Amino acid sequence: MSFRLSLHNRFLRCLAGLFLLLPALPGHALSTCVGTAQQLHDALASVALSSDINVVIKVRTGTYIQTAGTGNFSATVTHSNQIVEISGGWSGSNNDCQNKSFDAADTIIIGGATNTALYLNTGNAVSGSVLSVHDLTLANNGYTATGSGACLMTYVSANNEAVFERLQMVECLAPNASNAAGYLENTGGLLTLRDVYVRASLAKSNGGLSISTYGGGTTRLSHLSITNTNSSGFDSLSSGLYLANFTNSFTYLSNSVIWGNDPDAVTADLNTFGNGMFLTRVHYGKRSGTVTSNISPSTGDPGFVAYNDPHLRADSILIDSGITNPLGGSGTFDANGLPRTLGGAVDVGAFESELLFTDGFQTEP
C-alpha cells in the first residue's frame, strides 16, 4: 500500500511541476514594463529568448540613454508566428505602466557612438511574425561609426511584417556614415510606416531615411514629414527620403511631405530607384528618379510653422488635402498623439493641424 501511495505522490508532484512550466510554453503572453536604460536593454534582448506568442514591452515616459554599461538597444525576433510590440508613452504610480500617451515626444531613446539608437530584426529563419513599434522618439548626436542608421536600423525578412507608427527621429548625426535617421531593409516582407517625423539630421550621404525593398516585398509609407536633413559628402545625390525597389517589389508613398532638406541644387529631397514606385499626394522640394505613378503631387512652400518644424501654419496647402484611406493607413493619432482627422479630411504629413478653418476664419477645435 505504501509503495502505491508513494508512486501516486510522485505522479502528483510531476503533474504539478508540469503546470509550473506551462507559462514558458508557446501560446502565452509576456508583458514587461521598463523604466530604466538597463531594463530597456534587458527587455529588448529577451525578445530573442522568449517563445511566448505575444511579447509586449511597455516603455515609461522619459529618456533612455545607451551607454557602454547598459549595452545597445536591440531586439531580434527568433520565433515564427509571434507578435512583438514595443511602445512608449507609459506611466503610472509605483513605476507601473497603467496610463498611455500617444505623443512620440514623451519617450526618447538615445543611441551611442558605435550603436544605432534602436536596432530591430525579424530574423531570417522566422515566418508569420509581426513587429510593432510606436510612440517613440529616437535621437543620436554622437554616432561616429561608418555603418548606416544612427537612429534606426531595421531588417524585415520574407513572410514577416513590421509596423512603425508615431515615431520621431531627431538630431540623428552620422558624419562618417549614411542614412542618418534610419536604414530599413524589407526582403520579401510587409513594411508599414505612418505618422513618422524626421528632422535636424546629417550624414556623409543622406541625412534622412533610406528604405530598400527586395524579393517581392511590399512597403507602405503614409503621413511622413521629413525636413532639415543634410549630406556633407560632395557626391551625395539625396538627403531626405531615398526609396529603392529590387526584384518585383513595390513601394507606396502617400500623404507625405519631404521638403527643406539639403540646399545643394543636385541633392534631391526625394530620390527613387527601381520599378513599382507609387506616389499619391506627396509634397516635395526636389525629386529625382522615375516612378510608376505620381497622383496629386505638389511643390513649393508647404507652410511649416517654422524652419525645422513641419507643423502646419493656418495657410498651409497641406491642411485637409490628404487622401482618405492611403495604403498603410492614416492611423488613429498623428505623431503628437492628436486625433488624425480634425478637419474635413486628413492633413498631409506627420502632424494634424490643431486648428479648424471655416470660410477662412480660424476657430478652436
Protein backbone atom coordinates (compact mmCIF):
# COMPACT_ATOMS: atom_id res chain seq x y z
CA MET A 1 0.00 0.00 0.00
CA SER A 2 2.71 2.45 0.93
CA PHE A 3 4.51 1.72 -2.35
CA ARG A 4 1.39 2.57 -4.34
CA LEU A 5 0.87 5.78 -2.36
CA SER A 6 4.46 6.75 -2.98
CA LEU A 7 4.02 6.30 -6.73
CA HIS A 8 0.79 8.30 -6.57
CA ASN A 9 2.52 11.13 -4.72
CA ARG A 10 5.36 11.17 -7.22
CA PHE A 11 2.84 11.38 -10.08
CA LEU A 12 1.08 14.33 -8.44
CA ARG A 13 4.39 16.12 -7.91
CA CYS A 14 5.37 15.60 -11.54
CA LEU A 15 1.97 16.86 -12.68
CA ALA A 16 2.31 19.96 -10.50
CA GLY A 17 5.77 20.55 -11.98
CA LEU A 18 4.34 20.45 -15.49
CA PHE A 19 1.77 23.09 -14.58
CA LEU A 20 4.56 25.30 -13.23
CA LEU A 21 6.33 25.02 -16.56
CA LEU A 22 3.28 25.97 -18.62
CA PRO A 23 3.87 29.78 -18.62
CA ALA A 24 7.12 29.21 -20.52
CA LEU A 25 5.41 27.25 -23.27
CA PRO A 26 4.28 28.82 -26.57
CA GLY A 27 0.84 30.40 -26.65
CA HIS A 28 1.25 32.70 -23.68
CA ALA A 29 1.84 36.45 -23.37
CA LEU A 30 4.86 38.16 -21.85
CA SER A 31 4.42 41.80 -20.83
CA THR A 32 7.22 43.93 -19.41
CA CYS A 33 7.13 47.49 -18.05
CA VAL A 34 10.52 49.23 -18.19
CA GLY A 35 11.68 52.49 -16.63
CA THR A 36 15.48 52.49 -16.88
CA ALA A 37 18.01 52.12 -19.69
CA GLN A 38 19.20 48.80 -18.29
CA GLN A 39 15.65 47.48 -18.09
CA LEU A 40 15.04 48.56 -21.69
CA HIS A 41 18.19 46.79 -22.87
CA ASP A 42 17.28 43.62 -20.98
CA ALA A 43 13.68 43.61 -22.21
CA LEU A 44 14.72 44.04 -25.85
CA ALA A 45 17.36 41.32 -25.51
CA SER A 46 14.74 38.95 -24.06
CA VAL A 47 12.77 39.06 -27.33
CA ALA A 48 15.19 36.58 -28.90
CA LEU A 49 14.79 34.21 -25.93
CA SER A 50 11.04 34.29 -25.47
CA SER A 51 8.80 31.77 -27.21
CA ASP A 52 5.61 33.46 -26.00
CA ILE A 53 3.08 34.13 -28.74
CA ASN A 54 2.79 37.78 -27.61
CA VAL A 55 5.75 39.79 -26.31
CA VAL A 56 4.86 43.29 -25.11
CA ILE A 57 7.44 45.85 -23.99
CA LYS A 58 5.97 48.99 -22.43
CA VAL A 59 8.43 51.87 -22.05
CA ARG A 60 7.64 54.53 -19.48
CA THR A 61 7.88 58.20 -20.42
CA GLY A 62 11.37 59.63 -20.04
CA THR A 63 14.80 59.50 -21.67
CA TYR A 64 16.81 56.31 -22.17
CA ILE A 65 20.49 56.79 -22.98
CA GLN A 66 22.58 53.98 -24.39
CA THR A 67 25.95 53.60 -22.67
CA ALA A 68 28.73 51.03 -22.57
CA GLY A 69 27.33 49.89 -19.25
CA THR A 70 23.78 49.26 -20.42
CA GLY A 71 24.66 47.87 -23.86
CA ASN A 72 22.83 48.58 -27.11
CA PHE A 73 19.07 48.74 -27.60
CA SER A 74 18.49 45.80 -29.92
CA ALA A 75 15.70 43.26 -30.49
CA THR A 76 15.65 40.25 -32.83
CA VAL A 77 12.61 38.05 -33.35
CA THR A 78 13.67 34.39 -33.45
CA HIS A 79 10.30 32.61 -33.31
CA SER A 80 7.67 32.26 -36.01
CA ASN A 81 4.04 33.34 -35.59
CA GLN A 82 4.97 35.73 -32.81
CA ILE A 83 3.70 39.26 -32.17
CA VAL A 84 6.25 41.64 -30.63
CA GLU A 85 5.09 45.11 -29.60
CA ILE A 86 7.38 47.88 -28.36
CA SER A 87 5.68 51.12 -27.32
CA GLY A 88 6.49 54.27 -25.40
CA GLY A 89 4.35 56.77 -23.54
CA TRP A 90 3.50 54.68 -20.48
CA SER A 91 3.16 56.00 -16.93
CA GLY A 92 1.56 55.17 -13.60
CA SER A 93 2.20 55.02 -9.87
CA ASN A 94 4.83 52.72 -8.36
CA ASN A 95 6.67 52.56 -11.70
CA ASP A 96 3.76 50.74 -13.30
CA CYS A 97 2.59 51.04 -16.90
CA GLN A 98 -1.09 51.88 -16.44
CA ASN A 99 -1.62 55.11 -18.38
CA LYS A 100 -0.83 55.66 -22.07
CA SER A 101 0.28 58.72 -24.05
CA PHE A 102 0.34 58.59 -27.85
CA ASP A 103 2.77 61.50 -28.19
CA ALA A 104 6.10 60.24 -29.56
CA ALA A 105 7.96 63.12 -27.87
CA ASP A 106 7.23 61.74 -24.39
CA THR A 107 9.63 58.78 -24.67
CA ILE A 108 13.15 59.34 -26.02
CA ILE A 109 15.74 56.69 -26.86
CA ILE A 110 19.29 57.92 -27.48
CA GLY A 111 21.94 55.84 -29.24
CA GLY A 112 25.69 55.63 -28.76
CA ALA A 113 28.89 56.33 -30.67
CA THR A 114 29.02 52.89 -32.28
CA ASN A 115 25.41 51.72 -32.00
CA THR A 116 22.19 52.90 -33.57
CA ALA A 117 19.56 54.16 -31.16
CA LEU A 118 17.25 51.21 -31.98
CA TYR A 119 18.08 48.04 -33.93
CA LEU A 120 15.28 45.65 -34.94
CA ASN A 121 15.31 42.41 -36.94
CA THR A 122 12.64 39.80 -37.66
CA GLY A 123 15.23 37.09 -38.31
CA ASN A 124 15.79 35.06 -41.47
CA ALA A 125 14.52 31.76 -40.03
CA VAL A 126 11.21 33.27 -38.92
CA SER A 127 7.84 33.50 -40.70
CA GLY A 128 4.40 34.78 -39.80
CA SER A 129 5.68 37.17 -37.11
CA VAL A 130 4.70 40.82 -36.61
CA LEU A 131 6.91 43.51 -35.10
CA SER A 132 5.06 46.64 -33.97
CA VAL A 133 6.87 49.78 -32.76
CA HIS A 134 5.17 53.05 -31.84
CA ASP A 135 5.17 56.22 -29.74
CA LEU A 136 8.94 56.75 -29.54
CA THR A 137 11.47 59.47 -30.33
CA LEU A 138 14.89 58.29 -31.50
CA ALA A 139 17.97 60.52 -31.31
CA ASN A 140 21.72 60.14 -31.65
CA ASN A 141 24.02 63.14 -31.95
CA GLY A 142 27.24 61.26 -31.21
CA TYR A 143 27.31 58.44 -33.78
CA THR A 144 30.88 58.10 -35.09
CA ALA A 145 30.66 54.66 -36.74
CA THR A 146 30.68 54.08 -40.51
CA GLY A 147 27.50 51.99 -40.71
CA SER A 148 24.00 53.10 -41.71
CA GLY A 149 21.31 54.42 -39.43
CA ALA A 150 22.36 56.46 -36.41
CA CYS A 151 18.79 56.40 -35.07
CA LEU A 152 17.03 53.37 -36.59
CA MET A 153 18.15 50.22 -38.34
CA THR A 154 15.58 47.58 -39.26
CA TYR A 155 15.55 44.34 -41.25
CA VAL A 156 12.28 42.68 -42.23
CA SER A 157 12.64 39.17 -43.62
CA ALA A 158 10.36 37.29 -46.00
CA ASN A 159 6.85 36.42 -44.81
CA ASN A 160 7.06 38.72 -41.78
CA GLU A 161 5.63 42.14 -41.04
CA ALA A 162 6.87 45.29 -39.32
CA VAL A 163 4.71 48.31 -38.44
CA PHE A 164 6.16 51.64 -37.29
CA GLU A 165 3.72 54.27 -36.11
CA ARG A 166 4.09 57.66 -34.41
CA LEU A 167 7.88 57.83 -34.43
CA GLN A 168 10.11 60.88 -34.38
CA MET A 169 13.76 60.80 -35.45
CA VAL A 170 15.57 63.97 -34.46
CA GLU A 171 19.20 65.07 -34.34
CA CYS A 172 20.49 61.87 -35.89
CA LEU A 173 24.07 62.82 -36.73
CA ALA A 174 26.34 60.40 -38.61
CA PRO A 175 29.24 62.37 -40.15
CA ASN A 176 31.09 59.19 -41.19
CA ALA A 177 28.08 57.17 -42.30
CA SER A 178 24.96 57.23 -44.46
CA ASN A 179 21.19 57.36 -43.92
CA ALA A 180 21.49 59.02 -40.53
CA ALA A 181 17.84 58.97 -39.48
CA GLY A 182 17.33 55.37 -40.46
CA TYR A 183 18.04 52.46 -42.78
CA LEU A 184 15.20 49.98 -43.28
CA GLU A 185 15.51 46.87 -45.44
CA ASN A 186 12.48 44.81 -46.40
CA THR A 187 13.30 41.49 -48.07
CA GLY A 188 10.07 39.82 -49.10
CA GLY A 189 8.01 41.03 -46.16
CA LEU A 190 5.46 43.75 -45.44
CA LEU A 191 6.75 47.03 -44.02
CA THR A 192 4.48 49.89 -42.91
CA LEU A 193 5.46 53.35 -41.67
CA ARG A 194 2.90 56.00 -40.81
CA ASP A 195 2.88 59.25 -38.85
CA VAL A 196 6.68 59.46 -38.81
CA TYR A 197 8.67 62.70 -38.41
CA VAL A 198 12.34 63.25 -39.30
CA ARG A 199 14.29 66.49 -38.78
CA ALA A 200 17.67 68.04 -37.99
CA SER A 201 19.80 65.09 -39.11
CA LEU A 202 23.07 64.84 -41.02
CA ALA A 203 25.19 62.14 -42.64
CA LYS A 204 28.01 61.88 -45.14
CA SER A 205 25.37 60.59 -47.53
CA ASN A 206 21.63 61.15 -46.89
CA GLY A 207 20.87 62.60 -43.50
CA GLY A 208 17.31 61.26 -43.75
CA LEU A 209 15.66 57.86 -44.27
CA SER A 210 16.63 55.11 -46.70
CA ILE A 211 14.20 52.26 -47.38
CA SER A 212 15.08 49.38 -49.71
CA THR A 213 12.62 46.65 -50.69
CA TYR A 214 13.73 43.30 -52.16
CA GLY A 215 12.41 39.89 -53.10
CA GLY A 216 8.80 40.77 -53.89
CA GLY A 217 8.30 42.68 -50.65
CA THR A 218 5.77 45.48 -50.17
CA THR A 219 6.50 48.75 -48.38
CA ARG A 220 3.71 51.18 -47.44
CA LEU A 221 4.55 54.69 -46.26
CA SER A 222 1.99 57.32 -45.26
CA HIS A 223 1.97 60.62 -43.41
CA LEU A 224 5.73 61.19 -43.29
CA SER A 225 7.25 64.63 -42.60
CA ILE A 226 10.97 64.92 -43.41
CA THR A 227 12.81 68.23 -43.25
CA ASN A 228 16.23 69.73 -42.50
CA THR A 229 18.30 66.63 -43.24
CA ASN A 230 21.66 67.25 -44.86
CA SER A 231 24.51 65.43 -46.59
CA SER A 232 28.09 66.52 -46.04
CA GLY A 233 29.59 64.41 -48.85
CA PHE A 234 30.14 66.24 -52.12
CA ASP A 235 28.96 63.24 -54.15
CA SER A 236 25.68 62.63 -52.28
CA LEU A 237 22.62 62.87 -54.54
CA SER A 238 19.86 62.70 -51.94
CA SER A 239 19.01 63.81 -48.43
CA GLY A 240 15.51 63.38 -47.12
CA LEU A 241 13.95 60.14 -48.35
CA TYR A 242 15.63 57.55 -50.55
CA LEU A 243 13.46 54.67 -51.81
CA ALA A 244 14.74 51.69 -53.79
CA ASN A 245 12.93 48.65 -55.21
CA PHE A 246 14.54 45.44 -56.46
CA THR A 247 13.22 42.15 -57.89
CA ASN A 248 9.48 42.70 -58.31
CA SER A 249 8.98 44.74 -55.15
CA PHE A 250 6.51 47.55 -54.52
CA THR A 251 6.65 50.79 -52.56
CA TYR A 252 3.67 53.09 -51.91
CA LEU A 253 4.19 56.62 -50.56
CA SER A 254 1.12 58.68 -49.63
CA ASN A 255 0.09 61.87 -47.79
CA SER A 256 3.69 62.85 -47.10
CA VAL A 257 5.88 65.96 -47.23
CA ILE A 258 9.63 65.85 -47.92
CA TRP A 259 10.82 69.41 -48.17
CA GLY A 260 13.50 71.83 -46.97
CA ASN A 261 16.32 69.34 -46.80
CA ASP A 262 19.84 69.74 -48.24
CA PRO A 263 20.01 73.09 -50.11
CA ASP A 264 22.51 71.78 -52.67
CA ALA A 265 20.99 72.11 -56.15
CA VAL A 266 21.74 68.48 -57.13
CA THR A 267 20.73 66.86 -53.84
CA ALA A 268 17.13 65.62 -54.02
CA ASP A 269 14.63 65.70 -51.15
CA LEU A 270 13.01 62.57 -52.61
CA ASN A 271 15.05 60.10 -54.63
CA THR A 272 13.60 56.86 -56.03
CA PHE A 273 15.19 53.89 -57.76
CA GLY A 274 13.60 50.89 -59.45
CA ASN A 275 10.16 49.91 -60.69
CA GLY A 276 6.96 49.63 -58.71
CA MET A 277 7.05 53.11 -57.13
CA PHE A 278 3.61 54.62 -56.48
CA LEU A 279 3.23 58.16 -55.12
CA THR A 280 -0.09 59.64 -54.04
CA ARG A 281 -0.49 63.16 -52.66
CA VAL A 282 3.20 63.72 -51.91
CA HIS A 283 4.62 67.22 -51.44
CA TYR A 284 8.34 67.59 -52.14
CA GLY A 285 11.05 70.08 -52.98
CA LYS A 286 13.48 68.40 -55.38
CA ARG A 287 12.68 64.94 -56.74
CA SER A 288 14.92 62.54 -58.60
CA GLY A 289 14.24 59.16 -60.19
CA THR A 290 11.40 57.57 -62.12
CA VAL A 291 8.11 56.50 -60.53
CA THR A 292 5.32 54.27 -61.83
CA SER A 293 2.65 56.82 -60.89
CA ASN A 294 2.55 60.20 -59.17
CA ILE A 295 -1.01 61.27 -58.29
CA SER A 296 -1.80 64.78 -56.96
CA PRO A 297 1.76 65.91 -56.21
CA SER A 298 2.60 69.44 -55.05
CA THR A 299 5.72 71.54 -54.59
CA GLY A 300 6.71 74.92 -53.20
CA ASP A 301 6.42 76.28 -49.68
CA PRO A 302 4.38 73.71 -47.69
CA GLY A 303 3.53 76.19 -44.93
CA PHE A 304 5.55 74.89 -42.00
CA VAL A 305 5.19 76.95 -38.81
CA ALA A 306 8.96 77.50 -38.70
CA TYR A 307 12.27 76.30 -40.07
CA ASN A 308 12.93 72.81 -38.78
CA ASP A 309 9.34 72.41 -37.60
CA PRO A 310 6.85 70.80 -40.03
CA HIS A 311 3.74 71.51 -38.01
CA LEU A 312 1.40 73.36 -40.35
CA ARG A 313 0.52 77.05 -40.45
CA ALA A 314 -3.03 78.26 -40.92
CA ASP A 315 -2.36 78.99 -44.61
CA SER A 316 -0.70 75.66 -45.41
CA ILE A 317 -1.87 73.99 -48.60
CA LEU A 318 -1.38 70.63 -46.87
CA ILE A 319 -4.27 71.09 -44.43
CA ASP A 320 -7.24 68.81 -45.25
CA SER A 321 -5.60 67.87 -48.57
CA GLY A 322 -4.69 64.24 -47.89
CA ILE A 323 -6.42 61.28 -49.48
CA THR A 324 -8.70 59.05 -47.43
CA ASN A 325 -7.52 55.53 -46.59
CA PRO A 326 -4.00 55.61 -48.06
CA LEU A 327 -2.16 52.30 -48.34
CA GLY A 328 -0.60 51.82 -44.93
CA GLY A 329 -3.42 53.78 -43.30
CA SER A 330 -3.53 57.18 -41.62
CA GLY A 331 -3.60 55.89 -38.07
CA THR A 332 -5.86 56.96 -35.24
CA PHE A 333 -3.44 59.62 -33.95
CA ASP A 334 -0.74 61.80 -35.51
CA ALA A 335 2.90 61.93 -34.35
CA ASN A 336 1.92 64.20 -31.43
CA GLY A 337 -0.90 61.95 -30.28
CA LEU A 338 -3.65 64.22 -31.63
CA PRO A 339 -6.66 62.78 -33.45
CA ARG A 340 -5.66 62.09 -37.04
CA THR A 341 -8.63 63.92 -38.57
CA LEU A 342 -9.51 67.30 -37.07
CA GLY A 343 -10.95 68.94 -40.18
CA GLY A 344 -12.81 67.84 -43.27
CA ALA A 345 -10.03 65.45 -44.29
CA VAL A 346 -6.62 64.28 -43.10
CA ASP A 347 -3.68 66.65 -43.43
CA VAL A 348 -0.57 65.77 -45.42
CA GLY A 349 2.41 64.94 -43.22
CA ALA A 350 3.00 63.50 -39.77
CA PHE A 351 1.09 66.21 -37.91
CA GLU A 352 -2.56 67.12 -37.98
CA SER A 353 -3.27 70.83 -37.70
CA GLU A 354 -4.75 71.77 -34.31
CA LEU A 355 -6.94 74.42 -35.91
CA LEU A 356 -10.11 74.09 -37.94
CA PHE A 357 -10.97 76.61 -40.61
CA THR A 358 -14.42 77.59 -41.76
CA ASP A 359 -14.92 80.18 -44.52
CA GLY A 360 -11.39 81.42 -43.98
CA PHE A 361 -11.84 82.11 -40.27
CA GLN A 362 -9.85 80.41 -37.55
CA THR A 363 -11.69 78.69 -34.73
CA GLU A 364 -10.58 76.47 -31.91
CA PRO A 365 -11.38 72.76 -32.32
